[in-house]
N, C-alpha and C. Protein backbone atom coordinates (compact mmCIF):
# COMPACT_ATOMS: atom_id res chain seq x y z
N TYR A 1 4.28 21.93 -15.39
CA TYR A 1 4.24 21.47 -14.00
C TYR A 1 5.63 21.51 -13.38
N LEU A 2 5.65 21.74 -12.07
CA LEU A 2 6.87 21.61 -11.29
C LEU A 2 6.75 20.28 -10.57
N ARG A 3 7.47 19.27 -11.06
CA ARG A 3 7.38 17.92 -10.51
C ARG A 3 8.64 17.60 -9.71
N GLY A 4 8.61 16.44 -9.06
CA GLY A 4 9.78 15.96 -8.35
C GLY A 4 9.89 16.53 -6.94
N ILE A 5 8.85 17.19 -6.48
CA ILE A 5 8.85 17.73 -5.12
C ILE A 5 8.49 16.60 -4.17
N LYS A 6 9.30 16.43 -3.15
CA LYS A 6 9.08 15.37 -2.16
C LYS A 6 8.28 15.90 -0.98
N ALA A 7 7.58 15.00 -0.33
CA ALA A 7 6.72 15.39 0.79
C ALA A 7 7.50 16.01 1.95
N ASP A 8 8.78 15.70 2.06
CA ASP A 8 9.56 16.27 3.15
C ASP A 8 10.28 17.56 2.75
N ASN A 9 10.10 18.00 1.50
CA ASN A 9 10.72 19.24 1.01
C ASN A 9 9.68 20.14 0.36
N ASN A 10 8.54 20.29 0.99
CA ASN A 10 7.49 21.06 0.32
C ASN A 10 7.09 22.32 1.07
N THR A 11 8.07 22.97 1.69
CA THR A 11 7.77 24.25 2.33
C THR A 11 7.89 25.38 1.30
N VAL A 12 7.26 26.48 1.62
CA VAL A 12 7.34 27.65 0.75
C VAL A 12 8.80 28.02 0.50
N GLU A 13 9.61 28.04 1.55
CA GLU A 13 11.01 28.43 1.41
C GLU A 13 11.76 27.51 0.45
N TYR A 14 11.56 26.20 0.61
CA TYR A 14 12.27 25.26 -0.25
C TYR A 14 11.87 25.43 -1.71
N ILE A 15 10.57 25.50 -1.96
CA ILE A 15 10.11 25.62 -3.35
C ILE A 15 10.64 26.91 -3.97
N LEU A 16 10.53 28.03 -3.25
CA LEU A 16 11.00 29.31 -3.81
C LEU A 16 12.51 29.32 -4.01
N SER A 17 13.24 28.54 -3.22
CA SER A 17 14.71 28.49 -3.39
C SER A 17 15.11 27.84 -4.70
N GLN A 18 14.19 27.18 -5.37
CA GLN A 18 14.48 26.53 -6.65
C GLN A 18 14.41 27.51 -7.83
N PHE A 19 14.02 28.75 -7.54
CA PHE A 19 13.86 29.76 -8.59
C PHE A 19 14.80 30.94 -8.33
N ASP A 20 15.28 31.56 -9.42
CA ASP A 20 16.12 32.75 -9.32
C ASP A 20 15.29 34.02 -9.14
N ASN A 21 14.00 33.93 -9.34
CA ASN A 21 13.11 35.08 -9.31
C ASN A 21 12.82 35.47 -7.86
N ALA A 22 13.42 36.57 -7.42
CA ALA A 22 13.30 37.00 -6.01
C ALA A 22 11.88 37.40 -5.64
N LYS A 23 11.07 37.74 -6.62
CA LYS A 23 9.70 38.18 -6.34
C LYS A 23 8.68 37.06 -6.48
N ALA A 24 9.14 35.84 -6.70
CA ALA A 24 8.22 34.72 -6.89
C ALA A 24 7.36 34.53 -5.64
N LYS A 25 6.13 34.10 -5.87
CA LYS A 25 5.20 33.81 -4.77
C LYS A 25 4.51 32.49 -5.05
N ILE A 26 4.05 31.85 -3.99
CA ILE A 26 3.27 30.63 -4.15
C ILE A 26 1.83 30.94 -3.77
N VAL A 27 0.92 30.61 -4.69
CA VAL A 27 -0.48 30.96 -4.52
C VAL A 27 -1.31 29.68 -4.48
N SER A 28 -2.21 29.63 -3.50
CA SER A 28 -3.13 28.51 -3.34
C SER A 28 -4.56 29.05 -3.33
N ASN A 29 -5.32 28.73 -4.34
CA ASN A 29 -6.71 29.20 -4.43
C ASN A 29 -6.82 30.72 -4.26
N GLY A 30 -5.89 31.45 -4.89
CA GLY A 30 -5.93 32.89 -4.85
C GLY A 30 -5.29 33.53 -3.63
N ILE A 31 -4.80 32.73 -2.68
CA ILE A 31 -4.20 33.24 -1.46
C ILE A 31 -2.70 32.95 -1.48
N ILE A 32 -1.89 33.96 -1.17
CA ILE A 32 -0.44 33.78 -1.16
C ILE A 32 -0.05 32.99 0.09
N ARG A 33 0.68 31.90 -0.13
CA ARG A 33 1.16 31.09 1.00
C ARG A 33 2.26 31.84 1.73
N LYS A 34 2.28 31.67 3.05
CA LYS A 34 3.25 32.35 3.91
C LYS A 34 4.43 31.46 4.21
N SER A 35 5.52 32.08 4.64
CA SER A 35 6.72 31.37 5.05
C SER A 35 6.37 30.30 6.08
N GLY A 36 6.93 29.11 5.91
CA GLY A 36 6.70 28.02 6.84
C GLY A 36 5.53 27.12 6.47
N GLU A 37 4.66 27.58 5.58
CA GLU A 37 3.53 26.75 5.18
C GLU A 37 3.96 25.67 4.20
N ARG A 38 3.19 24.60 4.18
CA ARG A 38 3.41 23.52 3.22
C ARG A 38 2.80 23.90 1.87
N VAL A 39 3.49 23.53 0.83
CA VAL A 39 2.99 23.70 -0.53
C VAL A 39 2.33 22.39 -0.92
N ALA A 40 1.22 22.47 -1.64
CA ALA A 40 0.46 21.28 -2.00
C ALA A 40 0.31 21.16 -3.52
N THR A 41 -0.04 19.97 -3.95
CA THR A 41 -0.37 19.75 -5.36
C THR A 41 -1.47 20.72 -5.76
N GLY A 42 -1.27 21.38 -6.89
CA GLY A 42 -2.25 22.34 -7.40
C GLY A 42 -1.92 23.78 -7.07
N ASP A 43 -1.03 24.01 -6.09
CA ASP A 43 -0.59 25.37 -5.81
C ASP A 43 0.21 25.87 -7.02
N CYS A 44 0.32 27.18 -7.16
CA CYS A 44 1.04 27.74 -8.30
C CYS A 44 2.20 28.61 -7.83
N VAL A 45 3.33 28.46 -8.51
CA VAL A 45 4.45 29.37 -8.33
C VAL A 45 4.27 30.46 -9.38
N VAL A 46 4.17 31.70 -8.91
CA VAL A 46 3.96 32.83 -9.81
C VAL A 46 5.27 33.62 -9.87
N LEU A 47 5.78 33.79 -11.10
CA LEU A 47 7.05 34.48 -11.33
C LEU A 47 6.78 35.87 -11.90
N TYR A 48 7.52 36.84 -11.40
CA TYR A 48 7.31 38.24 -11.78
C TYR A 48 8.54 38.85 -12.43
N ASN A 49 8.29 39.84 -13.28
CA ASN A 49 9.31 40.75 -13.79
C ASN A 49 8.78 42.13 -13.42
N GLY A 50 9.32 42.67 -12.34
CA GLY A 50 8.74 43.90 -11.80
C GLY A 50 7.38 43.58 -11.21
N LYS A 51 6.36 44.26 -11.70
CA LYS A 51 4.99 44.00 -11.22
C LYS A 51 4.22 43.07 -12.15
N ASN A 52 4.86 42.69 -13.25
CA ASN A 52 4.18 41.87 -14.25
C ASN A 52 4.44 40.38 -14.03
N ILE A 53 3.38 39.59 -14.12
CA ILE A 53 3.51 38.14 -14.05
C ILE A 53 4.08 37.67 -15.39
N VAL A 54 5.18 36.90 -15.32
CA VAL A 54 5.80 36.41 -16.55
C VAL A 54 5.59 34.91 -16.74
N ASP A 55 5.27 34.20 -15.67
CA ASP A 55 5.02 32.77 -15.80
C ASP A 55 4.33 32.26 -14.54
N THR A 56 3.59 31.20 -14.70
CA THR A 56 2.93 30.52 -13.59
C THR A 56 3.17 29.04 -13.78
N VAL A 57 3.64 28.37 -12.72
CA VAL A 57 3.94 26.95 -12.78
C VAL A 57 3.15 26.24 -11.69
N THR A 58 2.44 25.18 -12.06
CA THR A 58 1.65 24.42 -11.10
C THR A 58 2.53 23.38 -10.42
N VAL A 59 2.45 23.31 -9.10
CA VAL A 59 3.23 22.37 -8.30
C VAL A 59 2.55 21.01 -8.27
N ILE A 60 3.36 19.97 -8.46
CA ILE A 60 2.89 18.58 -8.31
C ILE A 60 3.76 17.94 -7.24
N LEU A 61 3.15 17.65 -6.10
CA LEU A 61 3.83 16.94 -5.02
C LEU A 61 3.48 15.47 -5.19
N THR A 62 4.44 14.68 -5.57
CA THR A 62 4.20 13.27 -5.88
C THR A 62 3.42 12.58 -4.76
N GLY A 63 2.27 12.02 -5.13
CA GLY A 63 1.44 11.28 -4.18
C GLY A 63 0.44 12.11 -3.41
N ASP A 64 0.58 13.43 -3.45
CA ASP A 64 -0.33 14.32 -2.71
C ASP A 64 -1.48 14.74 -3.60
N MET A 65 -2.69 14.62 -3.08
CA MET A 65 -3.85 15.00 -3.88
C MET A 65 -4.35 16.41 -3.57
N GLY A 66 -3.57 17.17 -2.75
CA GLY A 66 -3.93 18.57 -2.59
C GLY A 66 -3.85 19.19 -1.22
N ASP A 67 -3.41 18.44 -0.21
CA ASP A 67 -3.32 19.06 1.12
C ASP A 67 -1.88 19.25 1.60
N GLY A 68 -0.91 18.90 0.76
CA GLY A 68 0.50 19.10 1.11
C GLY A 68 1.11 17.97 1.91
N LYS A 69 0.36 16.91 2.13
CA LYS A 69 0.85 15.74 2.86
C LYS A 69 0.47 14.48 2.08
N VAL A 70 1.29 13.45 2.19
CA VAL A 70 0.97 12.16 1.59
C VAL A 70 0.45 11.26 2.70
N THR A 71 -0.83 10.89 2.59
CA THR A 71 -1.49 10.12 3.63
C THR A 71 -2.33 8.99 3.02
N ASN A 72 -2.98 8.24 3.89
CA ASN A 72 -3.88 7.18 3.43
C ASN A 72 -5.02 7.74 2.58
N ARG A 73 -5.40 8.97 2.82
CA ARG A 73 -6.47 9.58 2.01
C ARG A 73 -6.05 9.66 0.54
N ASP A 74 -4.76 9.91 0.32
CA ASP A 74 -4.26 9.98 -1.05
C ASP A 74 -4.29 8.61 -1.73
N VAL A 75 -3.90 7.58 -0.97
CA VAL A 75 -3.97 6.21 -1.51
C VAL A 75 -5.42 5.87 -1.83
N SER A 76 -6.32 6.22 -0.93
CA SER A 76 -7.74 5.95 -1.14
C SER A 76 -8.26 6.63 -2.39
N MET A 77 -7.90 7.89 -2.59
CA MET A 77 -8.35 8.61 -3.78
C MET A 77 -7.80 7.97 -5.04
N LEU A 78 -6.54 7.56 -5.01
CA LEU A 78 -5.94 6.90 -6.16
C LEU A 78 -6.66 5.59 -6.47
N MET A 79 -6.93 4.81 -5.45
CA MET A 79 -7.64 3.54 -5.65
C MET A 79 -9.05 3.78 -6.18
N ARG A 80 -9.72 4.78 -5.65
CA ARG A 80 -11.08 5.10 -6.13
C ARG A 80 -11.05 5.54 -7.60
N TYR A 81 -10.00 6.26 -7.98
CA TYR A 81 -9.85 6.64 -9.38
C TYR A 81 -9.70 5.40 -10.26
N LEU A 82 -8.92 4.44 -9.80
CA LEU A 82 -8.67 3.23 -10.60
C LEU A 82 -9.93 2.41 -10.84
N VAL A 83 -10.93 2.55 -9.97
CA VAL A 83 -12.19 1.82 -10.15
C VAL A 83 -13.32 2.77 -10.58
N ASN A 84 -12.93 3.90 -11.16
CA ASN A 84 -13.86 4.89 -11.72
C ASN A 84 -14.85 5.45 -10.70
N LYS A 85 -14.41 5.63 -9.46
CA LYS A 85 -15.27 6.21 -8.42
C LYS A 85 -14.80 7.60 -8.02
N GLU A 86 -13.76 8.11 -8.67
CA GLU A 86 -13.19 9.41 -8.34
C GLU A 86 -12.81 10.11 -9.63
N SER A 87 -13.01 11.42 -9.67
CA SER A 87 -12.66 12.22 -10.84
C SER A 87 -11.66 13.30 -10.43
N PRO A 88 -10.36 12.98 -10.44
CA PRO A 88 -9.36 13.97 -10.03
C PRO A 88 -9.21 15.09 -11.05
N ASN A 89 -8.75 16.23 -10.56
CA ASN A 89 -8.43 17.31 -11.50
C ASN A 89 -7.07 17.00 -12.14
N ALA A 90 -6.63 17.83 -13.07
CA ALA A 90 -5.40 17.56 -13.82
C ALA A 90 -4.17 17.48 -12.91
N SER A 91 -4.09 18.35 -11.91
CA SER A 91 -2.95 18.34 -10.99
C SER A 91 -2.93 17.07 -10.15
N GLN A 92 -4.09 16.68 -9.64
CA GLN A 92 -4.19 15.45 -8.86
C GLN A 92 -3.82 14.24 -9.69
N LEU A 93 -4.29 14.21 -10.92
CA LEU A 93 -3.98 13.10 -11.80
C LEU A 93 -2.47 13.00 -12.04
N ALA A 94 -1.81 14.13 -12.23
CA ALA A 94 -0.35 14.13 -12.40
C ALA A 94 0.33 13.63 -11.13
N ALA A 95 -0.17 14.00 -9.95
CA ALA A 95 0.42 13.55 -8.68
C ALA A 95 0.20 12.07 -8.45
N MET A 96 -0.84 11.51 -9.05
CA MET A 96 -1.14 10.08 -8.91
C MET A 96 -0.13 9.21 -9.66
N ASP A 97 0.53 9.77 -10.65
CA ASP A 97 1.52 9.01 -11.42
C ASP A 97 2.82 8.96 -10.59
N VAL A 98 2.79 8.17 -9.56
CA VAL A 98 3.85 8.12 -8.56
C VAL A 98 5.19 7.68 -9.16
N ASN A 99 5.17 6.71 -10.05
CA ASN A 99 6.43 6.22 -10.62
C ASN A 99 6.85 7.00 -11.86
N GLY A 100 6.04 7.96 -12.30
CA GLY A 100 6.43 8.85 -13.38
C GLY A 100 6.48 8.24 -14.76
N ASP A 101 5.74 7.15 -14.97
CA ASP A 101 5.78 6.50 -16.28
C ASP A 101 4.70 7.00 -17.24
N GLY A 102 3.93 8.01 -16.81
CA GLY A 102 2.90 8.56 -17.68
C GLY A 102 1.56 7.86 -17.62
N VAL A 103 1.46 6.82 -16.80
CA VAL A 103 0.23 6.05 -16.67
C VAL A 103 -0.10 5.92 -15.18
N VAL A 104 -1.36 6.13 -14.82
CA VAL A 104 -1.79 5.92 -13.44
C VAL A 104 -2.43 4.55 -13.36
N ASN A 105 -1.81 3.66 -12.56
CA ASN A 105 -2.32 2.30 -12.46
C ASN A 105 -2.01 1.72 -11.08
N ASN A 106 -2.21 0.41 -10.94
CA ASN A 106 -2.00 -0.26 -9.66
C ASN A 106 -0.56 -0.14 -9.17
N LYS A 107 0.38 -0.02 -10.08
CA LYS A 107 1.78 0.15 -9.67
C LYS A 107 1.94 1.41 -8.83
N ASP A 108 1.28 2.48 -9.25
CA ASP A 108 1.34 3.74 -8.50
C ASP A 108 0.69 3.60 -7.13
N ALA A 109 -0.45 2.94 -7.08
CA ALA A 109 -1.14 2.73 -5.80
C ALA A 109 -0.28 1.91 -4.85
N THR A 110 0.36 0.89 -5.37
CA THR A 110 1.23 0.03 -4.55
C THR A 110 2.42 0.83 -4.03
N MET A 111 3.05 1.60 -4.91
CA MET A 111 4.19 2.41 -4.48
C MET A 111 3.79 3.40 -3.39
N LEU A 112 2.65 4.03 -3.56
CA LEU A 112 2.20 5.02 -2.59
C LEU A 112 1.90 4.37 -1.24
N ALA A 113 1.23 3.23 -1.26
CA ALA A 113 0.93 2.52 -0.02
C ALA A 113 2.21 2.05 0.66
N ARG A 114 3.16 1.55 -0.12
CA ARG A 114 4.44 1.11 0.44
C ARG A 114 5.24 2.29 1.00
N TYR A 115 5.13 3.45 0.37
CA TYR A 115 5.79 4.65 0.87
C TYR A 115 5.29 5.00 2.27
N LEU A 116 4.00 4.88 2.46
CA LEU A 116 3.41 5.25 3.75
C LEU A 116 3.88 4.35 4.90
N VAL A 117 4.29 3.12 4.58
CA VAL A 117 4.78 2.22 5.64
C VAL A 117 6.30 2.13 5.62
N GLY A 118 6.95 3.03 4.88
CA GLY A 118 8.41 3.09 4.89
C GLY A 118 9.11 2.05 4.04
N LYS A 119 8.40 1.42 3.12
CA LYS A 119 8.99 0.38 2.29
C LYS A 119 9.33 0.86 0.88
N GLU A 120 9.07 2.12 0.58
CA GLU A 120 9.26 2.63 -0.78
C GLU A 120 9.65 4.10 -0.68
N LYS A 121 10.44 4.56 -1.64
CA LYS A 121 10.76 5.98 -1.75
C LYS A 121 10.06 6.52 -2.98
N ILE A 122 9.53 7.71 -2.86
CA ILE A 122 8.89 8.34 -4.03
C ILE A 122 9.50 9.69 -4.28
C-alpha cells in the first residue's frame, strides 16, 4: 500500500511526483486518471519498465473510503463497520485505520469526525 496520503495532497500530479518512474500511471477501476483529478483509496499506481508493468501499488488515502474526499459519509461507513453493518474491502479497511495503529476502532472514528470539524489532523 501507498499510505500517508493526505486529503489535500491527493491529485494525480502529487502522487506521481512521489515516484521516479516517468511512465507511472494511476488507474481507477481500469481507467487511467487524468491530470488534475483526485486520487482515491483503492486506486493503483502502476509502474512501468518500458511497456512492461513492474509493480502496482494500491493508494490508501487516510479516512477516505473511495471517492478521494474525506466526508461525513466516510465517518458513517467507519461507524457502520464498527457495529457490523458494513463490509469494507481491504483498501477501505486500511483507510479506516486513521491513527495507524493497526486496529480499526472508536479512536479512528473519533479522529475522523474531529478532522472534519478542524479539531484533528490526520
